[in-house]
Amino acid sequence: MKTVVPVPAERTVESVVEDLGPSARARWAPLCHAVGLYYPPPQLALLAFKRERRLEIWGRQNGPWVPIDAMPVLAASGVPGPKLREGDGQVPEGFYRIVAFNPNSRYHLSLMLDYPNADDLIEGERDGRTDLGGEIFVHGGARSIGCLAVGDYAIESLFVLVADVGIENVQVIIAPRDPRGGITLEPIADVPFTTDLYRRIEDGLRAFGGGPAER
């Protein structure tokens, strides 16, 4: 039975990792070892597919990326297409990094993405958009507006995994859907820059084969 460890307010990243570390590592270490990775792996990739409501976890040591695990995304608002402005309810699409841990999130725990990143700012300037929004997270709970909610149990284990790997060694790709089965990502008609964005996402995902099964 999956047990969520209560995380009271005003915790630090270190104290959360200390509390949750043993159970999270007991989950991740065997999964890594099963695919030939040390724990923690030197590099980590989180692949989020909006249509499939799926988050895949991949690791890399010396060779190619290998699948470690996958988990359902319980909530992600909006429709296919990137986030364009504050309040549009869209989950961003593109290539992101994790820039901060939030051990005192309203949604149990959370990992903050670097939206808007340099690409988002460039496209916003081209289109004359200035209020692009922000504060996009992968977080616990089962509801979300513009973020990725994966549930409390999942965010506990992800929080520890990312802390152990180091945020500087984690990349995040968010796609409107999974194109790896030969599906072409169709650009959004009224968002011209998605032609190039989706081509780059397809190219970026070629390093990752078929995804792991959810456990």
N, C-alpha and C. Protein backbone atom coordinates (compact mmCIF):
# COMPACT_ATOMS: atom_id res chain seq x y z
N MET A 1 0.84 -1.19 0.00
CA MET A 1 0.00 0.00 0.00
C MET A 1 0.87 1.24 0.00
N LYS A 2 0.55 2.21 -0.86
CA LYS A 2 1.32 3.44 -0.93
C LYS A 2 0.93 4.36 0.22
N THR A 3 1.92 4.77 0.98
CA THR A 3 1.67 5.63 2.13
C THR A 3 2.33 6.98 1.90
N VAL A 4 1.56 8.06 2.02
CA VAL A 4 2.07 9.41 1.89
C VAL A 4 2.54 9.88 3.25
N VAL A 5 3.76 10.36 3.31
CA VAL A 5 4.31 10.85 4.57
C VAL A 5 3.87 12.29 4.78
N PRO A 6 3.22 12.63 5.90
CA PRO A 6 2.80 14.01 6.12
C PRO A 6 4.01 14.95 6.12
N VAL A 7 3.87 16.08 5.44
CA VAL A 7 4.93 17.08 5.39
C VAL A 7 4.37 18.38 5.94
N PRO A 8 4.64 18.70 7.20
CA PRO A 8 4.11 19.93 7.78
C PRO A 8 4.71 21.16 7.15
N ALA A 9 4.07 22.31 7.39
CA ALA A 9 4.53 23.57 6.81
C ALA A 9 5.90 23.95 7.37
N GLU A 10 6.56 24.85 6.63
CA GLU A 10 7.85 25.39 7.03
C GLU A 10 8.93 24.32 7.14
N ARG A 11 8.92 23.41 6.21
CA ARG A 11 10.00 22.44 6.12
C ARG A 11 11.07 22.98 5.18
N THR A 12 12.27 22.45 5.29
CA THR A 12 13.34 22.77 4.36
C THR A 12 13.49 21.63 3.37
N VAL A 13 14.18 21.90 2.27
CA VAL A 13 14.45 20.83 1.31
C VAL A 13 15.20 19.70 1.99
N GLU A 14 16.18 20.06 2.80
CA GLU A 14 17.00 19.05 3.47
C GLU A 14 16.18 18.18 4.42
N SER A 15 15.26 18.80 5.16
CA SER A 15 14.48 18.01 6.11
C SER A 15 13.48 17.11 5.39
N VAL A 16 12.93 17.60 4.27
CA VAL A 16 12.01 16.75 3.50
C VAL A 16 12.76 15.55 2.93
N VAL A 17 13.94 15.79 2.37
CA VAL A 17 14.73 14.69 1.82
C VAL A 17 15.13 13.71 2.91
N GLU A 18 15.44 14.23 4.09
CA GLU A 18 15.79 13.34 5.20
C GLU A 18 14.60 12.47 5.59
N ASP A 19 13.41 13.07 5.64
CA ASP A 19 12.21 12.32 6.03
C ASP A 19 11.78 11.31 4.97
N LEU A 20 11.80 11.74 3.71
CA LEU A 20 11.25 10.91 2.64
C LEU A 20 12.29 10.07 1.92
N GLY A 21 13.56 10.39 2.14
CA GLY A 21 14.64 9.74 1.40
C GLY A 21 14.64 8.22 1.46
N PRO A 22 14.56 7.62 2.64
CA PRO A 22 14.64 6.15 2.70
C PRO A 22 13.59 5.44 1.85
N SER A 23 12.33 5.88 1.94
CA SER A 23 11.29 5.20 1.17
C SER A 23 11.42 5.49 -0.32
N ALA A 24 11.78 6.73 -0.67
CA ALA A 24 11.93 7.07 -2.09
C ALA A 24 13.10 6.31 -2.72
N ARG A 25 14.21 6.25 -2.01
CA ARG A 25 15.38 5.55 -2.55
C ARG A 25 15.14 4.05 -2.65
N ALA A 26 14.34 3.53 -1.73
CA ALA A 26 13.99 2.11 -1.80
C ALA A 26 13.18 1.81 -3.06
N ARG A 27 12.48 2.82 -3.55
CA ARG A 27 11.74 2.65 -4.80
C ARG A 27 12.65 2.83 -6.01
N TRP A 28 13.44 3.92 -6.02
CA TRP A 28 14.19 4.27 -7.22
C TRP A 28 15.42 3.40 -7.46
N ALA A 29 16.13 3.03 -6.41
CA ALA A 29 17.39 2.30 -6.59
C ALA A 29 17.18 0.99 -7.36
N PRO A 30 16.21 0.14 -7.00
CA PRO A 30 16.01 -1.09 -7.77
C PRO A 30 15.61 -0.83 -9.22
N LEU A 31 14.81 0.22 -9.45
CA LEU A 31 14.41 0.54 -10.82
C LEU A 31 15.62 0.96 -11.66
N CYS A 32 16.51 1.74 -11.06
CA CYS A 32 17.73 2.15 -11.76
C CYS A 32 18.64 0.96 -12.03
N HIS A 33 18.83 0.14 -11.00
CA HIS A 33 19.72 -1.02 -11.16
C HIS A 33 19.19 -1.97 -12.23
N ALA A 34 17.87 -2.08 -12.34
CA ALA A 34 17.27 -3.01 -13.30
C ALA A 34 17.57 -2.63 -14.75
N VAL A 35 17.87 -1.34 -14.99
CA VAL A 35 18.17 -0.90 -16.36
C VAL A 35 19.64 -0.52 -16.51
N GLY A 36 20.46 -0.97 -15.55
CA GLY A 36 21.90 -0.78 -15.67
C GLY A 36 22.44 0.56 -15.22
N LEU A 37 21.68 1.27 -14.38
CA LEU A 37 22.12 2.57 -13.88
C LEU A 37 22.52 2.48 -12.42
N TYR A 38 23.49 3.28 -12.05
CA TYR A 38 23.74 3.49 -10.63
C TYR A 38 22.61 4.34 -10.06
N TYR A 39 22.51 4.35 -8.73
CA TYR A 39 21.61 5.32 -8.10
C TYR A 39 22.42 6.25 -7.22
N PRO A 40 22.23 7.57 -7.36
CA PRO A 40 21.40 8.22 -8.37
C PRO A 40 22.11 8.27 -9.72
N PRO A 41 21.35 8.26 -10.80
CA PRO A 41 21.99 8.34 -12.11
C PRO A 41 22.59 9.73 -12.33
N PRO A 42 23.65 9.83 -13.13
CA PRO A 42 24.27 11.13 -13.37
C PRO A 42 23.37 12.14 -14.06
N GLN A 43 22.48 11.66 -14.93
CA GLN A 43 21.58 12.55 -15.66
C GLN A 43 20.16 12.00 -15.60
N LEU A 44 19.21 12.93 -15.61
CA LEU A 44 17.80 12.56 -15.51
C LEU A 44 17.01 13.39 -16.51
N ALA A 45 16.01 12.76 -17.12
CA ALA A 45 15.10 13.47 -18.02
C ALA A 45 13.67 13.13 -17.64
N LEU A 46 12.84 14.15 -17.57
CA LEU A 46 11.40 13.98 -17.34
C LEU A 46 10.69 14.36 -18.63
N LEU A 47 9.93 13.42 -19.18
CA LEU A 47 9.20 13.64 -20.42
C LEU A 47 7.71 13.68 -20.11
N ALA A 48 7.07 14.80 -20.38
CA ALA A 48 5.64 14.95 -20.09
C ALA A 48 4.86 15.03 -21.39
N PHE A 49 3.84 14.20 -21.50
CA PHE A 49 2.99 14.17 -22.69
C PHE A 49 1.58 14.56 -22.27
N LYS A 50 1.13 15.70 -22.76
CA LYS A 50 -0.12 16.29 -22.27
C LYS A 50 -1.34 15.45 -22.65
N ARG A 51 -1.43 15.04 -23.91
CA ARG A 51 -2.61 14.27 -24.34
C ARG A 51 -2.70 12.94 -23.59
N GLU A 52 -1.58 12.27 -23.43
CA GLU A 52 -1.57 10.96 -22.77
C GLU A 52 -1.63 11.06 -21.25
N ARG A 53 -1.47 12.28 -20.72
CA ARG A 53 -1.42 12.49 -19.27
C ARG A 53 -0.39 11.54 -18.64
N ARG A 54 0.83 11.66 -19.10
CA ARG A 54 1.87 10.70 -18.72
C ARG A 54 3.19 11.43 -18.50
N LEU A 55 3.89 11.06 -17.44
CA LEU A 55 5.22 11.59 -17.15
C LEU A 55 6.19 10.42 -17.09
N GLU A 56 7.20 10.45 -17.96
CA GLU A 56 8.20 9.39 -18.00
C GLU A 56 9.50 9.88 -17.37
N ILE A 57 10.17 8.97 -16.68
CA ILE A 57 11.43 9.27 -16.03
C ILE A 57 12.51 8.43 -16.69
N TRP A 58 13.53 9.10 -17.23
CA TRP A 58 14.63 8.45 -17.93
C TRP A 58 15.95 8.83 -17.27
N GLY A 59 16.91 7.92 -17.35
CA GLY A 59 18.24 8.19 -16.81
C GLY A 59 19.32 7.90 -17.83
N ARG A 60 20.47 8.50 -17.60
CA ARG A 60 21.61 8.23 -18.48
C ARG A 60 22.89 8.22 -17.66
N GLN A 61 23.74 7.27 -17.98
CA GLN A 61 25.00 7.13 -17.26
C GLN A 61 26.16 7.41 -18.21
N ASN A 62 26.53 6.46 -19.02
CA ASN A 62 27.59 6.66 -20.00
C ASN A 62 27.10 6.49 -21.43
N GLY A 63 26.05 5.73 -21.59
CA GLY A 63 25.54 5.44 -22.92
C GLY A 63 24.25 6.18 -23.22
N PRO A 64 23.31 5.51 -23.88
CA PRO A 64 22.05 6.14 -24.25
C PRO A 64 21.12 6.31 -23.06
N TRP A 65 20.08 7.11 -23.26
CA TRP A 65 19.03 7.24 -22.25
C TRP A 65 18.29 5.92 -22.11
N VAL A 66 17.95 5.56 -20.87
CA VAL A 66 17.18 4.34 -20.62
C VAL A 66 15.97 4.69 -19.75
N PRO A 67 14.84 4.01 -19.97
CA PRO A 67 13.63 4.32 -19.21
C PRO A 67 13.69 3.74 -17.80
N ILE A 68 13.34 4.55 -16.83
CA ILE A 68 13.33 4.11 -15.43
C ILE A 68 11.92 3.82 -14.95
N ASP A 69 11.00 4.74 -15.20
CA ASP A 69 9.64 4.58 -14.68
C ASP A 69 8.73 5.55 -15.41
N ALA A 70 7.44 5.41 -15.18
CA ALA A 70 6.44 6.35 -15.70
C ALA A 70 5.32 6.46 -14.70
N MET A 71 4.66 7.60 -14.71
CA MET A 71 3.55 7.83 -13.78
C MET A 71 2.48 8.67 -14.47
N PRO A 72 1.24 8.51 -14.06
CA PRO A 72 0.18 9.31 -14.67
C PRO A 72 0.23 10.76 -14.21
N VAL A 73 -0.11 11.65 -15.11
CA VAL A 73 -0.37 13.05 -14.73
C VAL A 73 -1.85 13.12 -14.38
N LEU A 74 -2.15 13.47 -13.15
CA LEU A 74 -3.53 13.43 -12.67
C LEU A 74 -4.33 14.65 -13.10
N ALA A 75 -3.65 15.75 -13.36
CA ALA A 75 -4.33 16.96 -13.81
C ALA A 75 -3.36 17.84 -14.58
N ALA A 76 -3.83 18.39 -15.69
CA ALA A 76 -3.07 19.35 -16.49
C ALA A 76 -4.09 20.12 -17.33
N SER A 77 -4.28 21.37 -17.03
CA SER A 77 -5.35 22.14 -17.67
C SER A 77 -4.96 22.56 -19.09
N GLY A 78 -5.94 23.08 -19.82
CA GLY A 78 -5.68 23.63 -21.14
C GLY A 78 -5.88 22.64 -22.26
N VAL A 79 -5.41 23.03 -23.44
CA VAL A 79 -5.55 22.26 -24.67
C VAL A 79 -4.17 22.13 -25.32
N PRO A 80 -4.04 21.35 -26.40
CA PRO A 80 -2.74 21.31 -27.08
C PRO A 80 -2.28 22.70 -27.48
N GLY A 81 -1.00 22.95 -27.32
CA GLY A 81 -0.45 24.26 -27.63
C GLY A 81 0.31 24.82 -26.45
N PRO A 82 1.29 25.68 -26.72
CA PRO A 82 2.13 26.21 -25.64
C PRO A 82 1.41 27.24 -24.80
N LYS A 83 1.98 27.54 -23.66
CA LYS A 83 1.48 28.64 -22.84
C LYS A 83 1.90 29.95 -23.50
N LEU A 84 0.96 30.89 -23.60
CA LEU A 84 1.23 32.16 -24.27
C LEU A 84 1.19 33.35 -23.33
N ARG A 85 0.35 33.29 -22.31
CA ARG A 85 0.19 34.47 -21.45
C ARG A 85 -0.35 34.07 -20.09
N GLU A 86 -0.21 34.97 -19.14
CA GLU A 86 -0.74 34.77 -17.79
C GLU A 86 -2.23 34.52 -17.85
N GLY A 87 -2.68 33.48 -17.13
CA GLY A 87 -4.11 33.23 -17.01
C GLY A 87 -4.73 32.43 -18.13
N ASP A 88 -3.94 31.97 -19.11
CA ASP A 88 -4.56 31.21 -20.20
C ASP A 88 -4.80 29.74 -19.84
N GLY A 89 -4.33 29.31 -18.67
CA GLY A 89 -4.56 27.94 -18.22
C GLY A 89 -3.77 26.89 -18.95
N GLN A 90 -2.83 27.30 -19.79
CA GLN A 90 -2.06 26.35 -20.59
C GLN A 90 -0.83 25.82 -19.84
N VAL A 91 -0.54 24.55 -20.05
CA VAL A 91 0.73 23.98 -19.61
C VAL A 91 1.76 24.30 -20.69
N PRO A 92 2.93 24.83 -20.33
CA PRO A 92 3.94 25.15 -21.35
C PRO A 92 4.36 23.92 -22.15
N GLU A 93 4.93 24.16 -23.30
CA GLU A 93 5.50 23.10 -24.14
C GLU A 93 6.90 23.52 -24.56
N GLY A 94 7.82 22.58 -24.51
CA GLY A 94 9.19 22.89 -24.90
C GLY A 94 10.20 22.20 -24.02
N PHE A 95 11.37 22.82 -23.91
CA PHE A 95 12.50 22.26 -23.18
C PHE A 95 12.77 23.12 -21.95
N TYR A 96 12.71 22.50 -20.79
CA TYR A 96 12.81 23.26 -19.54
C TYR A 96 13.79 22.63 -18.58
N ARG A 97 14.12 23.39 -17.56
CA ARG A 97 14.96 22.91 -16.46
C ARG A 97 14.19 23.10 -15.16
N ILE A 98 14.55 22.31 -14.17
CA ILE A 98 14.02 22.52 -12.82
C ILE A 98 14.94 23.52 -12.13
N VAL A 99 14.36 24.57 -11.58
CA VAL A 99 15.17 25.65 -11.01
C VAL A 99 15.00 25.79 -9.50
N ALA A 100 13.99 25.15 -8.92
CA ALA A 100 13.80 25.30 -7.47
C ALA A 100 12.93 24.18 -6.93
N PHE A 101 13.17 23.86 -5.66
CA PHE A 101 12.31 22.95 -4.89
C PHE A 101 11.39 23.80 -4.02
N ASN A 102 10.15 23.36 -3.86
CA ASN A 102 9.26 24.02 -2.91
C ASN A 102 8.79 22.97 -1.90
N PRO A 103 9.41 22.95 -0.72
CA PRO A 103 9.01 21.96 0.29
C PRO A 103 7.75 22.35 1.04
N ASN A 104 7.23 23.56 0.80
CA ASN A 104 6.04 24.05 1.49
C ASN A 104 4.93 24.41 0.51
N SER A 105 4.82 23.64 -0.54
CA SER A 105 3.82 23.89 -1.57
C SER A 105 2.40 23.68 -1.05
N ARG A 106 1.47 24.43 -1.62
CA ARG A 106 0.04 24.18 -1.34
C ARG A 106 -0.38 22.81 -1.84
N TYR A 107 0.42 22.26 -2.74
CA TYR A 107 0.11 20.95 -3.33
C TYR A 107 1.13 19.92 -2.85
N HIS A 108 1.36 19.92 -1.54
CA HIS A 108 2.20 18.96 -0.84
C HIS A 108 3.69 19.27 -1.03
N LEU A 109 4.22 19.04 -2.22
CA LEU A 109 5.60 19.37 -2.57
C LEU A 109 5.60 19.74 -4.05
N SER A 110 6.61 20.49 -4.50
CA SER A 110 6.63 20.84 -5.92
C SER A 110 8.04 21.13 -6.41
N LEU A 111 8.18 21.03 -7.73
CA LEU A 111 9.42 21.31 -8.45
C LEU A 111 9.12 22.41 -9.46
N MET A 112 9.83 23.52 -9.38
CA MET A 112 9.55 24.67 -10.23
C MET A 112 10.35 24.61 -11.53
N LEU A 113 9.66 24.87 -12.64
CA LEU A 113 10.30 24.91 -13.95
C LEU A 113 10.71 26.34 -14.31
N ASP A 114 11.63 26.45 -15.26
CA ASP A 114 12.14 27.78 -15.64
C ASP A 114 11.29 28.44 -16.73
N TYR A 115 9.97 28.27 -16.68
CA TYR A 115 9.09 29.00 -17.58
C TYR A 115 8.82 30.38 -17.02
N PRO A 116 8.90 31.44 -17.85
CA PRO A 116 9.29 31.44 -19.25
C PRO A 116 10.80 31.37 -19.41
N ASN A 117 11.25 30.50 -20.28
CA ASN A 117 12.69 30.38 -20.52
C ASN A 117 13.09 31.31 -21.68
N ALA A 118 14.33 31.20 -22.13
CA ALA A 118 14.81 32.11 -23.17
C ALA A 118 13.99 31.98 -24.45
N ASP A 119 13.62 30.76 -24.83
CA ASP A 119 12.81 30.58 -26.04
C ASP A 119 11.45 31.25 -25.89
N ASP A 120 10.82 31.08 -24.74
CA ASP A 120 9.51 31.69 -24.51
C ASP A 120 9.59 33.21 -24.58
N LEU A 121 10.64 33.78 -24.01
CA LEU A 121 10.80 35.24 -24.01
C LEU A 121 11.02 35.76 -25.43
N ILE A 122 11.81 35.03 -26.23
CA ILE A 122 12.05 35.46 -27.61
C ILE A 122 10.75 35.46 -28.40
N GLU A 123 9.98 34.37 -28.29
CA GLU A 123 8.72 34.28 -29.05
C GLU A 123 7.71 35.31 -28.54
N GLY A 124 7.70 35.55 -27.24
CA GLY A 124 6.81 36.57 -26.70
C GLY A 124 7.14 37.94 -27.25
N GLU A 125 8.41 38.27 -27.34
CA GLU A 125 8.82 39.57 -27.87
C GLU A 125 8.44 39.70 -29.34
N ARG A 126 8.62 38.62 -30.10
CA ARG A 126 8.25 38.65 -31.52
C ARG A 126 6.76 38.91 -31.71
N ASP A 127 5.96 38.33 -30.82
CA ASP A 127 4.50 38.44 -30.95
C ASP A 127 3.93 39.64 -30.22
N GLY A 128 4.78 40.37 -29.50
CA GLY A 128 4.28 41.51 -28.73
C GLY A 128 3.58 41.11 -27.46
N ARG A 129 3.87 39.90 -26.96
CA ARG A 129 3.29 39.46 -25.69
C ARG A 129 4.28 39.77 -24.56
N THR A 130 3.79 40.42 -23.52
CA THR A 130 4.68 40.79 -22.42
C THR A 130 4.38 40.04 -21.13
N ASP A 131 3.12 39.76 -20.83
CA ASP A 131 2.76 39.08 -19.59
C ASP A 131 2.63 37.59 -19.88
N LEU A 132 3.75 36.89 -19.84
CA LEU A 132 3.77 35.48 -20.23
C LEU A 132 3.37 34.53 -19.12
N GLY A 133 3.20 35.04 -17.90
CA GLY A 133 2.90 34.19 -16.77
C GLY A 133 4.16 33.59 -16.20
N GLY A 134 3.99 32.66 -15.27
CA GLY A 134 5.13 32.04 -14.62
C GLY A 134 4.68 31.12 -13.51
N GLU A 135 5.62 30.74 -12.66
CA GLU A 135 5.35 29.84 -11.54
C GLU A 135 4.68 28.55 -12.00
N ILE A 136 5.36 27.85 -12.87
CA ILE A 136 4.89 26.56 -13.38
C ILE A 136 5.64 25.46 -12.64
N PHE A 137 4.89 24.49 -12.13
CA PHE A 137 5.46 23.45 -11.27
C PHE A 137 5.01 22.06 -11.71
N VAL A 138 5.81 21.07 -11.36
CA VAL A 138 5.35 19.69 -11.22
C VAL A 138 5.06 19.53 -9.74
N HIS A 139 3.83 19.16 -9.39
CA HIS A 139 3.47 19.18 -7.97
C HIS A 139 2.55 18.02 -7.60
N GLY A 140 2.29 17.92 -6.31
CA GLY A 140 1.39 16.89 -5.80
C GLY A 140 -0.06 17.26 -6.02
N GLY A 141 -0.95 16.51 -5.38
CA GLY A 141 -2.36 16.78 -5.53
C GLY A 141 -2.91 16.24 -6.84
N ALA A 142 -4.19 16.49 -7.06
CA ALA A 142 -4.86 15.96 -8.24
C ALA A 142 -5.63 17.04 -9.00
N ARG A 143 -5.25 18.30 -8.80
CA ARG A 143 -5.85 19.39 -9.57
C ARG A 143 -4.77 20.41 -9.87
N SER A 144 -4.96 21.12 -10.98
CA SER A 144 -3.91 22.05 -11.39
C SER A 144 -4.44 23.00 -12.45
N ILE A 145 -3.88 24.21 -12.48
CA ILE A 145 -4.14 25.16 -13.55
C ILE A 145 -2.78 25.58 -14.11
N GLY A 146 -2.44 25.05 -15.26
CA GLY A 146 -1.20 25.42 -15.92
C GLY A 146 0.03 24.64 -15.49
N CYS A 147 -0.13 23.75 -14.52
CA CYS A 147 1.00 22.95 -14.03
C CYS A 147 0.72 21.46 -14.29
N LEU A 148 1.61 20.61 -13.80
CA LEU A 148 1.45 19.17 -13.92
C LEU A 148 1.28 18.58 -12.53
N ALA A 149 0.10 18.06 -12.23
CA ALA A 149 -0.17 17.45 -10.94
C ALA A 149 -0.01 15.94 -11.06
N VAL A 150 0.86 15.37 -10.22
CA VAL A 150 1.14 13.93 -10.31
C VAL A 150 0.72 13.16 -9.07
N GLY A 151 0.11 13.84 -8.10
CA GLY A 151 -0.28 13.16 -6.87
C GLY A 151 0.79 13.26 -5.80
N ASP A 152 0.37 13.11 -4.55
CA ASP A 152 1.30 13.31 -3.43
C ASP A 152 2.37 12.22 -3.35
N TYR A 153 1.98 10.98 -3.53
CA TYR A 153 2.96 9.90 -3.44
C TYR A 153 4.04 10.06 -4.51
N ALA A 154 3.62 10.38 -5.74
CA ALA A 154 4.58 10.51 -6.84
C ALA A 154 5.51 11.69 -6.63
N ILE A 155 4.98 12.83 -6.18
CA ILE A 155 5.85 13.99 -6.01
C ILE A 155 6.84 13.77 -4.88
N GLU A 156 6.46 12.99 -3.87
CA GLU A 156 7.43 12.68 -2.81
C GLU A 156 8.65 11.97 -3.39
N SER A 157 8.41 10.96 -4.20
CA SER A 157 9.54 10.20 -4.74
C SER A 157 10.31 11.01 -5.77
N LEU A 158 9.62 11.81 -6.58
CA LEU A 158 10.30 12.66 -7.55
C LEU A 158 11.15 13.72 -6.87
N PHE A 159 10.63 14.29 -5.80
CA PHE A 159 11.35 15.34 -5.06
C PHE A 159 12.70 14.82 -4.60
N VAL A 160 12.70 13.63 -4.02
CA VAL A 160 13.95 13.03 -3.54
C VAL A 160 14.86 12.67 -4.71
N LEU A 161 14.29 12.08 -5.75
CA LEU A 161 15.10 11.69 -6.91
C LEU A 161 15.82 12.89 -7.51
N VAL A 162 15.09 13.98 -7.73
CA VAL A 162 15.69 15.17 -8.32
C VAL A 162 16.73 15.77 -7.38
N ALA A 163 16.45 15.75 -6.09
CA ALA A 163 17.43 16.26 -5.12
C ALA A 163 18.70 15.43 -5.15
N ASP A 164 18.57 14.11 -5.25
CA ASP A 164 19.74 13.24 -5.26
C ASP A 164 20.55 13.40 -6.55
N VAL A 165 19.86 13.55 -7.67
CA VAL A 165 20.55 13.71 -8.96
C VAL A 165 21.16 15.11 -9.06
N GLY A 166 20.45 16.11 -8.53
CA GLY A 166 20.89 17.51 -8.64
C GLY A 166 20.14 18.20 -9.77
N ILE A 167 19.49 19.33 -9.46
CA ILE A 167 18.64 19.97 -10.48
C ILE A 167 19.43 20.37 -11.72
N GLU A 168 20.73 20.62 -11.56
CA GLU A 168 21.53 21.00 -12.72
C GLU A 168 21.71 19.84 -13.70
N ASN A 169 21.36 18.64 -13.29
CA ASN A 169 21.52 17.45 -14.13
C ASN A 169 20.19 16.90 -14.63
N VAL A 170 19.13 17.71 -14.53
CA VAL A 170 17.78 17.26 -14.90
C VAL A 170 17.25 18.12 -16.03
N GLN A 171 16.75 17.49 -17.08
CA GLN A 171 16.07 18.21 -18.15
C GLN A 171 14.63 17.77 -18.23
N VAL A 172 13.77 18.66 -18.72
CA VAL A 172 12.34 18.39 -18.82
C VAL A 172 11.89 18.73 -20.24
N ILE A 173 11.19 17.81 -20.87
CA ILE A 173 10.58 18.06 -22.17
C ILE A 173 9.07 17.90 -22.02
N ILE A 174 8.33 18.92 -22.41
CA ILE A 174 6.86 18.85 -22.36
C ILE A 174 6.34 18.94 -23.79
N ALA A 175 5.58 17.93 -24.21
CA ALA A 175 5.06 17.85 -25.57
C ALA A 175 3.54 17.78 -25.54
N PRO A 176 2.88 18.25 -26.61
CA PRO A 176 1.42 18.17 -26.64
C PRO A 176 0.91 16.73 -26.67
N ARG A 177 1.70 15.85 -27.27
CA ARG A 177 1.41 14.42 -27.28
C ARG A 177 2.70 13.69 -27.58
N ASP A 178 2.65 12.35 -27.48
CA ASP A 178 3.84 11.54 -27.70
C ASP A 178 3.98 11.24 -29.20
N PRO A 179 5.03 11.79 -29.85
CA PRO A 179 5.18 11.57 -31.29
C PRO A 179 6.05 10.38 -31.65
N ARG A 180 6.49 9.60 -30.67
CA ARG A 180 7.51 8.59 -30.95
C ARG A 180 7.01 7.39 -31.74
N GLY A 181 5.70 7.25 -31.87
CA GLY A 181 5.16 6.16 -32.67
C GLY A 181 4.99 6.53 -34.13
N GLY A 182 5.63 7.60 -34.56
CA GLY A 182 5.52 8.02 -35.95
C GLY A 182 4.49 9.10 -36.18
N ILE A 183 3.88 9.60 -35.11
CA ILE A 183 2.89 10.66 -35.22
C ILE A 183 3.60 12.00 -35.35
N THR A 184 3.16 12.82 -36.29
CA THR A 184 3.72 14.16 -36.45
C THR A 184 2.96 15.13 -35.56
N LEU A 185 3.68 15.97 -34.84
CA LEU A 185 3.04 17.00 -34.03
C LEU A 185 2.55 18.10 -34.96
N GLU A 186 1.25 18.28 -35.02
CA GLU A 186 0.66 19.27 -35.92
C GLU A 186 0.76 20.66 -35.31
N PRO A 187 1.37 21.61 -36.03
CA PRO A 187 1.47 22.98 -35.51
C PRO A 187 0.09 23.58 -35.23
N ILE A 188 0.04 24.49 -34.28
CA ILE A 188 -1.19 25.21 -33.97
C ILE A 188 -1.35 26.33 -35.00
N ALA A 189 -2.49 26.37 -35.66
CA ALA A 189 -2.68 27.27 -36.81
C ALA A 189 -2.41 28.73 -36.47
N ASP A 190 -2.88 29.19 -35.33
CA ASP A 190 -2.72 30.61 -35.00
C ASP A 190 -1.52 30.88 -34.10
N VAL A 191 -0.63 29.89 -33.97
CA VAL A 191 0.61 30.07 -33.20
C VAL A 191 1.76 29.65 -34.11
N PRO A 192 2.23 30.55 -34.99
CA PRO A 192 3.19 30.16 -36.03
C PRO A 192 4.47 29.52 -35.51
N PHE A 193 4.95 29.94 -34.34
CA PHE A 193 6.24 29.41 -33.89
C PHE A 193 6.17 27.95 -33.49
N THR A 194 4.95 27.37 -33.40
CA THR A 194 4.87 25.95 -33.05
C THR A 194 5.39 25.05 -34.18
N THR A 195 5.48 25.56 -35.40
CA THR A 195 6.07 24.75 -36.48
C THR A 195 7.50 24.37 -36.13
N ASP A 196 8.30 25.36 -35.74
CA ASP A 196 9.68 25.09 -35.35
C ASP A 196 9.77 24.41 -34.00
N LEU A 197 8.94 24.85 -33.05
CA LEU A 197 8.97 24.26 -31.71
C LEU A 197 8.68 22.76 -31.77
N TYR A 198 7.65 22.37 -32.49
CA TYR A 198 7.28 20.96 -32.53
C TYR A 198 8.31 20.13 -33.28
N ARG A 199 8.95 20.71 -34.28
CA ARG A 199 10.03 19.99 -34.96
C ARG A 199 11.18 19.73 -33.98
N ARG A 200 11.51 20.73 -33.17
CA ARG A 200 12.59 20.56 -32.20
C ARG A 200 12.22 19.56 -31.11
N ILE A 201 10.95 19.56 -30.70
CA ILE A 201 10.52 18.57 -29.72
C ILE A 201 10.62 17.16 -30.29
N GLU A 202 10.15 16.99 -31.53
CA GLU A 202 10.27 15.67 -32.18
C GLU A 202 11.73 15.23 -32.26
N ASP A 203 12.60 16.15 -32.65
CA ASP A 203 14.02 15.82 -32.74
C ASP A 203 14.59 15.46 -31.37
N GLY A 204 14.22 16.24 -30.35
CA GLY A 204 14.72 15.99 -29.00
C GLY A 204 14.28 14.65 -28.44
N LEU A 205 13.09 14.22 -28.80
CA LEU A 205 12.56 12.97 -28.26
C LEU A 205 13.11 11.74 -28.97
N ARG A 206 13.83 11.94 -30.07
CA ARG A 206 14.41 10.78 -30.77
C ARG A 206 15.47 10.08 -29.94
N ALA A 207 16.00 10.77 -28.95
CA ALA A 207 16.99 10.13 -28.07
C ALA A 207 16.34 9.17 -27.09
N PHE A 208 15.01 9.19 -27.03
CA PHE A 208 14.27 8.37 -26.07
C PHE A 208 13.39 7.40 -26.85
N GLY A 209 13.58 6.11 -26.66
CA GLY A 209 12.79 5.12 -27.38
C GLY A 209 11.41 4.97 -26.77
N GLY A 210 10.87 3.77 -26.83
CA GLY A 210 9.57 3.51 -26.23
C GLY A 210 9.62 3.72 -24.73
N GLY A 211 8.55 4.23 -24.18
CA GLY A 211 8.54 4.57 -22.76
C GLY A 211 8.37 3.38 -21.84
N PRO A 212 8.68 3.58 -20.56
CA PRO A 212 8.53 2.52 -19.55
C PRO A 212 7.07 2.34 -19.16
N ALA A 213 6.76 1.19 -18.60
CA ALA A 213 5.41 0.95 -18.09
C ALA A 213 5.23 1.67 -16.76
N GLU A 214 4.00 2.11 -16.51
CA GLU A 214 3.69 2.73 -15.22
C GLU A 214 3.64 1.65 -14.15
N ARG A 215 4.17 2.00 -12.97
CA ARG A 215 4.18 1.04 -11.87
C ARG A 215 3.29 1.56 -10.75
